[in-house]
């Protein structure tokens, strides 16, 4: 792993951009970060062993903007790239933006103001506007609950939403860092043995093992790209990673997981069913919903409208009416 610092004083905030074969989207992502209204920042692109021109694009932009640095390493996965970015960051506040997502211009300034005003908050998050695979804004958004967030809410509904949302206080990241015996270079914050569910594993560990608060701010300040979930095997791997996360963290609080795991599992399966609907996989969606409500009926009476819409969509998605409704729901906002 190599990186070259370009300044000695710490900026107000650092943004870590993990990038692997991101030629198609990296420049747009970095443009959105360079246009942040908070100017005293550093942007750290972690090239995670790309085999395309990702590092060349990042280095070309770094020559134009001294706030941007490039860290290069052999491929370690998303968690490993984020950990390397954290190790290279010098600011007291550290945000994350994946190489295919974008930030609204005022996002970082809003999170910094939130953290400055609320010293007990360790993780600041916001809602997300969804983009399609081509970068067009969709008529869909993630609008999570913003306050009163505890470990139960993180486990069941993950209000942080996606990996391009959070800005964390460095002290909160250091509180959950560790160095496994196999590691020689720097600490881990994200668990690099996970290739999926590494985000919620980190947020839930923060909620369960520290006193740092998790709180949101108003606004859809992240633009999150939705890509096809692919085949049912990919869904099964994602659910297996979620179950491994539960198995790993259960020793932290066995009573918590014994009480809440069935309903959290139901919500996770319902989420995967909604992804299957988006991909037009009706049979998979119905299978996942059956497993969800067999695990726990709580989503049916805690969120009856959302659960009912998901049931209807899973039933109709294979039919002409369902396909028409899906096209309306997923069309770009400008259409």
Protein backbone atom coordinates (compact mmCIF):
# COMPACT_ATOMS: atom_id res chain seq x y z
CA UNK A 1 0.00 0.00 0.00
CA UNK A 2 1.41 3.42 -0.95
CA UNK A 3 0.21 6.97 -0.49
CA UNK A 4 1.82 10.40 -0.62
CA UNK A 5 0.47 13.14 1.69
CA UNK A 6 0.29 16.53 -0.02
CA UNK A 7 -0.13 18.76 3.05
CA UNK A 8 0.84 18.69 6.70
CA UNK A 9 -2.15 20.33 8.45
CA UNK A 10 -5.34 18.33 8.96
CA UNK A 11 -8.36 19.38 6.87
CA UNK A 12 -11.84 19.81 8.33
CA UNK A 13 -13.03 16.50 6.86
CA UNK A 14 -11.75 13.53 4.88
CA UNK A 15 -13.73 11.61 2.27
CA UNK A 16 -12.70 8.04 1.47
CA UNK A 17 -13.57 6.73 -2.00
CA UNK A 18 -12.99 2.98 -2.41
CA UNK A 19 -12.59 2.28 -6.12
CA UNK A 20 -12.30 -0.99 -8.03
CA UNK A 21 -12.61 -0.96 -11.82
CA UNK A 22 -14.66 2.23 -11.62
CA UNK A 23 -13.74 3.84 -14.96
CA UNK A 24 -17.38 4.39 -15.95
CA UNK A 25 -18.38 6.40 -12.87
CA UNK A 26 -15.32 7.60 -10.92
CA UNK A 27 -14.95 10.99 -12.59
CA UNK A 28 -18.59 11.92 -11.89
CA UNK A 29 -18.21 10.81 -8.28
CA UNK A 30 -15.07 12.88 -7.78
CA UNK A 31 -16.65 15.91 -9.46
CA UNK A 32 -19.50 15.80 -6.94
CA UNK A 33 -16.98 15.65 -4.09
CA UNK A 34 -14.80 18.45 -5.47
CA UNK A 35 -17.91 20.65 -5.67
CA UNK A 36 -18.67 20.35 -1.95
CA UNK A 37 -19.44 23.73 -0.43
CA UNK A 38 -17.10 22.82 2.44
CA UNK A 39 -13.79 23.49 0.73
CA UNK A 40 -11.31 22.48 3.48
CA UNK A 41 -11.40 18.77 2.74
CA UNK A 42 -9.22 15.93 1.50
CA UNK A 43 -10.44 13.25 -0.88
CA UNK A 44 -8.69 9.89 -0.65
CA UNK A 45 -9.26 7.52 -3.55
CA UNK A 46 -8.26 3.99 -2.59
CA UNK A 47 -7.60 2.07 -5.78
CA UNK A 48 -8.31 -1.48 -4.69
CA UNK A 49 -6.22 -3.32 -7.27
CA UNK A 50 -8.15 -2.19 -10.35
CA UNK A 51 -7.31 -3.79 -13.67
CA UNK A 52 -8.72 -0.94 -15.74
CA UNK A 53 -7.75 2.76 -15.90
CA UNK A 54 -9.26 3.70 -12.53
CA UNK A 55 -5.91 4.74 -10.95
CA UNK A 56 -4.92 6.76 -14.03
CA UNK A 57 -8.21 8.70 -13.91
CA UNK A 58 -7.81 9.37 -10.19
CA UNK A 59 -4.19 10.49 -10.57
CA UNK A 60 -5.04 12.79 -13.47
CA UNK A 61 -7.67 14.53 -11.34
CA UNK A 62 -5.25 14.66 -8.38
CA UNK A 63 -2.83 16.64 -10.55
CA UNK A 64 -5.60 19.23 -11.02
CA UNK A 65 -6.80 19.30 -7.40
CA UNK A 66 -4.23 19.05 -4.57
CA UNK A 67 -6.99 18.07 -2.14
CA UNK A 68 -7.19 14.64 -3.78
CA UNK A 69 -4.78 11.80 -3.01
CA UNK A 70 -4.56 8.30 -4.42
CA UNK A 71 -3.79 5.23 -2.32
CA UNK A 72 -3.02 2.06 -4.26
CA UNK A 73 -3.14 -1.47 -2.92
CA UNK A 74 -3.67 -5.06 -4.00
CA UNK A 75 -7.33 -6.01 -3.98
CA UNK A 76 -8.71 -6.38 -0.44
CA UNK A 77 -12.41 -5.75 -1.08
CA UNK A 78 -14.64 -2.85 -0.11
CA UNK A 79 -14.00 -3.21 3.62
CA UNK A 80 -10.24 -3.34 3.06
CA UNK A 81 -10.29 -0.26 0.83
CA UNK A 82 -12.27 1.69 3.43
CA UNK A 83 -9.84 0.62 6.17
CA UNK A 84 -6.89 1.80 4.10
CA UNK A 85 -8.66 5.10 3.50
CA UNK A 86 -9.27 5.55 7.23
CA UNK A 87 -5.58 4.85 7.91
CA UNK A 88 -4.57 7.53 5.37
CA UNK A 89 -7.13 10.12 6.51
CA UNK A 90 -6.03 13.03 8.71
CA UNK A 91 -9.28 14.82 9.55
CA UNK A 92 -11.38 14.43 12.69
CA UNK A 93 -14.45 13.67 10.56
CA UNK A 94 -14.35 10.92 7.93
CA UNK A 95 -17.01 10.21 5.30
CA UNK A 96 -17.34 7.45 2.73
CA UNK A 97 -18.53 7.64 -0.86
CA UNK A 98 -18.43 4.61 -3.18
CA UNK A 99 -16.96 5.22 -6.63
CA UNK A 100 -20.33 4.92 -8.39
CA UNK A 101 -22.33 7.22 -6.09
CA UNK A 102 -22.45 11.02 -5.72
CA UNK A 103 -22.96 13.67 -3.04
CA UNK A 104 -25.13 16.78 -3.18
CA UNK A 105 -22.98 19.95 -2.90
CA UNK A 106 -23.93 20.78 0.69
CA UNK A 107 -23.77 17.27 2.13
CA UNK A 108 -20.40 17.36 3.86
CA UNK A 109 -20.94 20.86 5.31
CA UNK A 110 -24.29 19.71 6.76
CA UNK A 111 -22.76 16.64 8.42
CA UNK A 112 -19.83 18.62 9.84
CA UNK A 113 -22.25 21.19 11.30
CA UNK A 114 -24.33 18.35 12.77
CA UNK A 115 -21.33 16.70 14.40
CA UNK A 116 -19.95 20.03 15.65
CA UNK A 117 -23.27 20.81 17.34
CA UNK A 118 -23.82 17.33 18.80
CA UNK A 119 -20.68 16.01 20.50
CA UNK A 120 -22.31 12.72 21.52
CA UNK A 121 -23.13 11.79 17.91
CA UNK A 122 -20.51 9.50 16.41
CA UNK A 123 -22.23 8.69 13.11
CA UNK A 124 -24.19 11.26 11.12
CA UNK A 125 -26.37 10.06 8.23
CA UNK A 126 -29.03 11.34 5.81
CA UNK A 127 -31.52 10.13 3.20
CA UNK A 128 -30.60 9.15 -0.35
CA UNK A 129 -31.97 9.95 -3.78
CA UNK A 130 -31.76 6.85 -5.97
CA UNK A 131 -30.14 6.81 -9.42
CA UNK A 132 -30.54 4.18 -12.12
CA UNK A 133 -27.56 2.34 -13.62
CA UNK A 134 -27.04 5.23 -16.08
CA UNK A 135 -26.93 7.88 -13.36
CA UNK A 136 -30.42 9.30 -13.99
CA UNK A 137 -32.29 10.31 -10.84
CA UNK A 138 -35.28 8.07 -10.11
CA UNK A 139 -38.62 8.82 -8.47
CA UNK A 140 -37.54 6.75 -5.49
CA UNK A 141 -35.66 7.68 -2.35
CA UNK A 142 -34.47 6.29 0.96
CA UNK A 143 -36.08 8.42 3.69
CA UNK A 144 -35.10 6.78 6.98
CA UNK A 145 -36.03 7.65 10.51
CA UNK A 146 -33.51 10.24 11.71
CA UNK A 147 -33.68 10.36 15.52
CA UNK A 148 -34.15 7.98 18.42
CA UNK A 149 -31.88 5.44 16.71
CA UNK A 150 -30.83 2.51 18.87
CA UNK A 151 -29.25 -0.85 18.19
CA UNK A 152 -32.68 -2.42 17.59
CA UNK A 153 -33.48 0.07 14.83
CA UNK A 154 -30.07 -0.42 13.20
CA UNK A 155 -30.50 -4.19 13.30
CA UNK A 156 -34.04 -4.25 11.93
CA UNK A 157 -34.13 -1.31 9.50
CA UNK A 158 -30.53 -0.04 9.03
CA UNK A 159 -31.42 3.67 8.71
CA UNK A 160 -27.91 4.50 7.45
CA UNK A 161 -29.07 2.83 4.25
CA UNK A 162 -25.94 2.51 2.11
CA UNK A 163 -22.18 2.90 2.34
CA UNK A 164 -22.05 6.34 0.70
CA UNK A 165 -24.15 8.00 3.39
CA UNK A 166 -22.30 8.20 6.73
CA UNK A 167 -19.83 10.74 8.05
CA UNK A 168 -18.25 9.57 11.29
CA UNK A 169 -16.24 11.11 14.05
CA UNK A 170 -12.70 9.69 14.04
CA UNK A 171 -13.01 8.83 17.74
CA UNK A 172 -16.05 6.65 16.98
CA UNK A 173 -14.13 4.75 14.32
CA UNK A 174 -11.16 4.30 16.68
CA UNK A 175 -13.51 2.95 19.37
CA UNK A 176 -14.37 -0.08 17.22
CA UNK A 177 -10.97 -0.58 15.55
CA UNK A 178 -8.85 -3.64 16.14
CA UNK A 179 -5.85 -5.32 14.55
CA UNK A 180 -6.20 -9.03 13.77
CA UNK A 181 -3.17 -11.27 13.99
CA UNK A 182 -2.96 -11.57 10.20
CA UNK A 183 -2.69 -7.78 9.71
CA UNK A 184 0.72 -6.06 9.50
CA UNK A 185 -0.05 -2.59 8.09
CA UNK A 186 -2.96 -0.90 9.87
CA UNK A 187 -6.09 -1.46 11.97
CA UNK A 188 -9.43 -2.77 10.79
CA UNK A 189 -12.65 -0.84 11.37
CA UNK A 190 -14.68 -2.71 8.76
CA UNK A 191 -14.37 -6.50 8.98
CA UNK A 192 -12.44 -7.54 5.86
CA UNK A 193 -13.63 -11.14 6.10
CA UNK A 194 -17.01 -9.84 4.85
CA UNK A 195 -17.54 -9.13 1.15
CA UNK A 196 -21.20 -8.24 1.79
CA UNK A 197 -23.05 -6.85 4.85
CA UNK A 198 -19.80 -5.19 5.96
CA UNK A 199 -21.67 -1.89 6.42
CA UNK A 200 -24.40 -3.03 8.80
CA UNK A 201 -21.89 -5.21 10.66
CA UNK A 202 -19.89 -2.05 11.38
CA UNK A 203 -22.85 0.18 12.31
CA UNK A 204 -24.42 -2.48 14.54
CA UNK A 205 -21.10 -3.16 16.29
CA UNK A 206 -20.79 0.57 16.91
CA UNK A 207 -24.31 0.67 18.38
CA UNK A 208 -23.83 -2.41 20.56
CA UNK A 209 -20.32 -1.83 21.88
CA UNK A 210 -20.00 1.96 22.35
CA UNK A 211 -21.96 4.91 23.70
CA UNK A 212 -21.68 6.88 20.46
CA UNK A 213 -25.05 8.00 19.14
CA UNK A 214 -26.27 7.46 15.58
CA UNK A 215 -28.41 10.31 14.26
CA UNK A 216 -29.62 11.61 10.90
CA UNK A 217 -30.03 15.02 9.29
CA UNK A 218 -32.75 16.19 6.93
CA UNK A 219 -32.35 16.03 3.17
CA UNK A 220 -31.63 13.55 0.39
CA UNK A 221 -27.95 14.44 0.27
CA UNK A 222 -26.56 11.19 -1.16
CA UNK A 223 -27.23 9.98 -4.70
CA UNK A 224 -27.12 6.20 -4.58
CA UNK A 225 -26.87 4.11 -7.74
CA UNK A 226 -29.16 1.10 -8.02
CA UNK A 227 -27.80 -1.79 -10.06
CA UNK A 228 -29.39 -5.11 -10.84
CA UNK A 229 -29.16 -7.62 -8.04
CA UNK A 230 -28.60 -10.35 -10.61
CA UNK A 231 -29.51 -13.97 -10.09
CA UNK A 232 -31.11 -15.53 -7.05
CA UNK A 233 -27.71 -16.97 -6.10
CA UNK A 234 -26.49 -13.42 -5.43
CA UNK A 235 -29.47 -12.82 -3.16
CA UNK A 236 -28.73 -16.03 -1.31
CA UNK A 237 -25.08 -14.98 -0.82
CA UNK A 238 -26.20 -11.61 0.54
CA UNK A 239 -28.54 -13.26 3.01
CA UNK A 240 -25.81 -15.72 4.03
CA UNK A 241 -23.49 -12.77 4.78
CA UNK A 242 -26.23 -11.16 6.90
CA UNK A 243 -26.64 -14.42 8.87
CA UNK A 244 -22.87 -14.59 9.40
CA UNK A 245 -23.00 -11.04 10.72
CA UNK A 246 -25.62 -12.15 13.26
CA UNK A 247 -23.52 -15.16 14.25
CA UNK A 248 -20.40 -13.00 14.68
CA UNK A 249 -22.02 -10.28 16.79
CA UNK A 250 -24.29 -12.46 18.96
CA UNK A 251 -21.61 -12.97 21.67
CA UNK A 252 -21.66 -9.19 22.26
CA UNK A 253 -25.23 -9.42 23.59
CA UNK A 254 -26.87 -12.86 23.31
CA UNK A 255 -30.11 -11.63 24.93
CA UNK A 256 -30.45 -8.81 22.37
CA UNK A 257 -30.05 -11.17 19.43
CA UNK A 258 -32.28 -13.82 20.96
CA UNK A 259 -35.07 -11.29 21.27
CA UNK A 260 -34.71 -9.35 18.01
CA UNK A 261 -33.08 -11.67 15.44
CA UNK A 262 -36.35 -13.26 14.17
CA UNK A 263 -37.98 -9.93 13.33
CA UNK A 264 -34.72 -8.46 11.98
CA UNK A 265 -34.39 -11.54 9.77
CA UNK A 266 -37.93 -10.97 8.49
CA UNK A 267 -37.12 -7.37 7.59
CA UNK A 268 -33.91 -8.43 5.83
CA UNK A 269 -35.75 -11.05 3.78
CA UNK A 270 -38.46 -8.51 2.92
CA UNK A 271 -35.73 -6.12 1.72
CA UNK A 272 -34.25 -8.85 -0.47
CA UNK A 273 -37.74 -9.62 -1.79
CA UNK A 274 -38.10 -5.96 -2.84
CA UNK A 275 -34.76 -6.18 -4.67
CA UNK A 276 -36.00 -9.33 -6.42
CA UNK A 277 -39.14 -7.46 -7.49
CA UNK A 278 -36.96 -4.65 -8.90
CA UNK A 279 -35.08 -7.25 -10.93
CA UNK A 280 -38.34 -8.79 -12.17
CA UNK A 281 -37.78 -12.06 -10.32
CA UNK A 282 -41.29 -12.74 -9.07
CA UNK A 283 -40.79 -16.32 -7.98
CA UNK A 284 -37.74 -15.37 -5.92
CA UNK A 285 -39.60 -12.45 -4.36
CA UNK A 286 -42.50 -14.67 -3.27
CA UNK A 287 -40.09 -17.28 -1.89
CA UNK A 288 -38.26 -14.66 0.14
CA UNK A 289 -41.51 -13.22 1.51
CA UNK A 290 -42.68 -16.65 2.63
CA UNK A 291 -39.41 -17.08 4.53
CA UNK A 292 -39.70 -13.56 5.95
CA UNK A 293 -43.13 -13.97 7.48
CA UNK A 294 -42.30 -17.50 8.67
CA UNK A 295 -39.44 -15.96 10.63
CA UNK A 296 -41.65 -13.25 12.16
CA UNK A 297 -44.95 -11.55 11.31
CA UNK A 298 -43.81 -8.26 12.86
CA UNK A 299 -43.24 -6.43 9.52
CA UNK A 300 -46.92 -7.10 8.69
CA UNK A 301 -48.26 -5.10 11.65
CA UNK A 302 -45.31 -2.78 12.31
CA UNK A 303 -45.20 -1.60 8.66
CA UNK A 304 -48.48 -2.87 7.13
CA UNK A 305 -48.50 -0.55 4.11
CA UNK A 306 -44.93 -1.27 3.04
CA UNK A 307 -45.38 -5.01 3.62
CA UNK A 308 -48.68 -4.99 1.70
CA UNK A 309 -47.15 -3.15 -1.24
CA UNK A 310 -44.28 -5.64 -1.31
CA UNK A 311 -46.72 -8.57 -1.28
CA UNK A 312 -48.74 -7.06 -4.11
CA UNK A 313 -45.65 -6.28 -6.15
CA UNK A 314 -44.27 -9.80 -5.70
CA UNK A 315 -47.62 -11.23 -6.82
CA UNK A 316 -47.99 -8.97 -9.86
CA UNK A 317 -44.43 -8.55 -11.08
CA UNK A 318 -44.66 -11.48 -13.50
CA UNK A 319 -47.90 -10.15 -15.04
CA UNK A 320 -48.44 -7.34 -17.61
CA UNK A 321 -50.05 -5.00 -15.04
CA UNK A 322 -47.16 -5.55 -12.64
CA UNK A 323 -44.54 -4.90 -15.31
CA UNK A 324 -46.31 -1.67 -16.28
CA UNK A 325 -46.44 -0.46 -12.67
CA UNK A 326 -42.78 -1.36 -12.24
CA UNK A 327 -41.82 0.73 -15.27
CA UNK A 328 -43.71 3.70 -13.81
CA UNK A 329 -42.10 3.26 -10.41
CA UNK A 330 -38.55 3.00 -11.75
CA UNK A 331 -38.59 5.54 -14.58
CA UNK A 332 -36.18 8.50 -14.28
CA UNK A 333 -37.51 11.57 -12.47
CA UNK A 334 -37.16 13.68 -15.62
CA UNK A 335 -39.22 11.29 -17.79
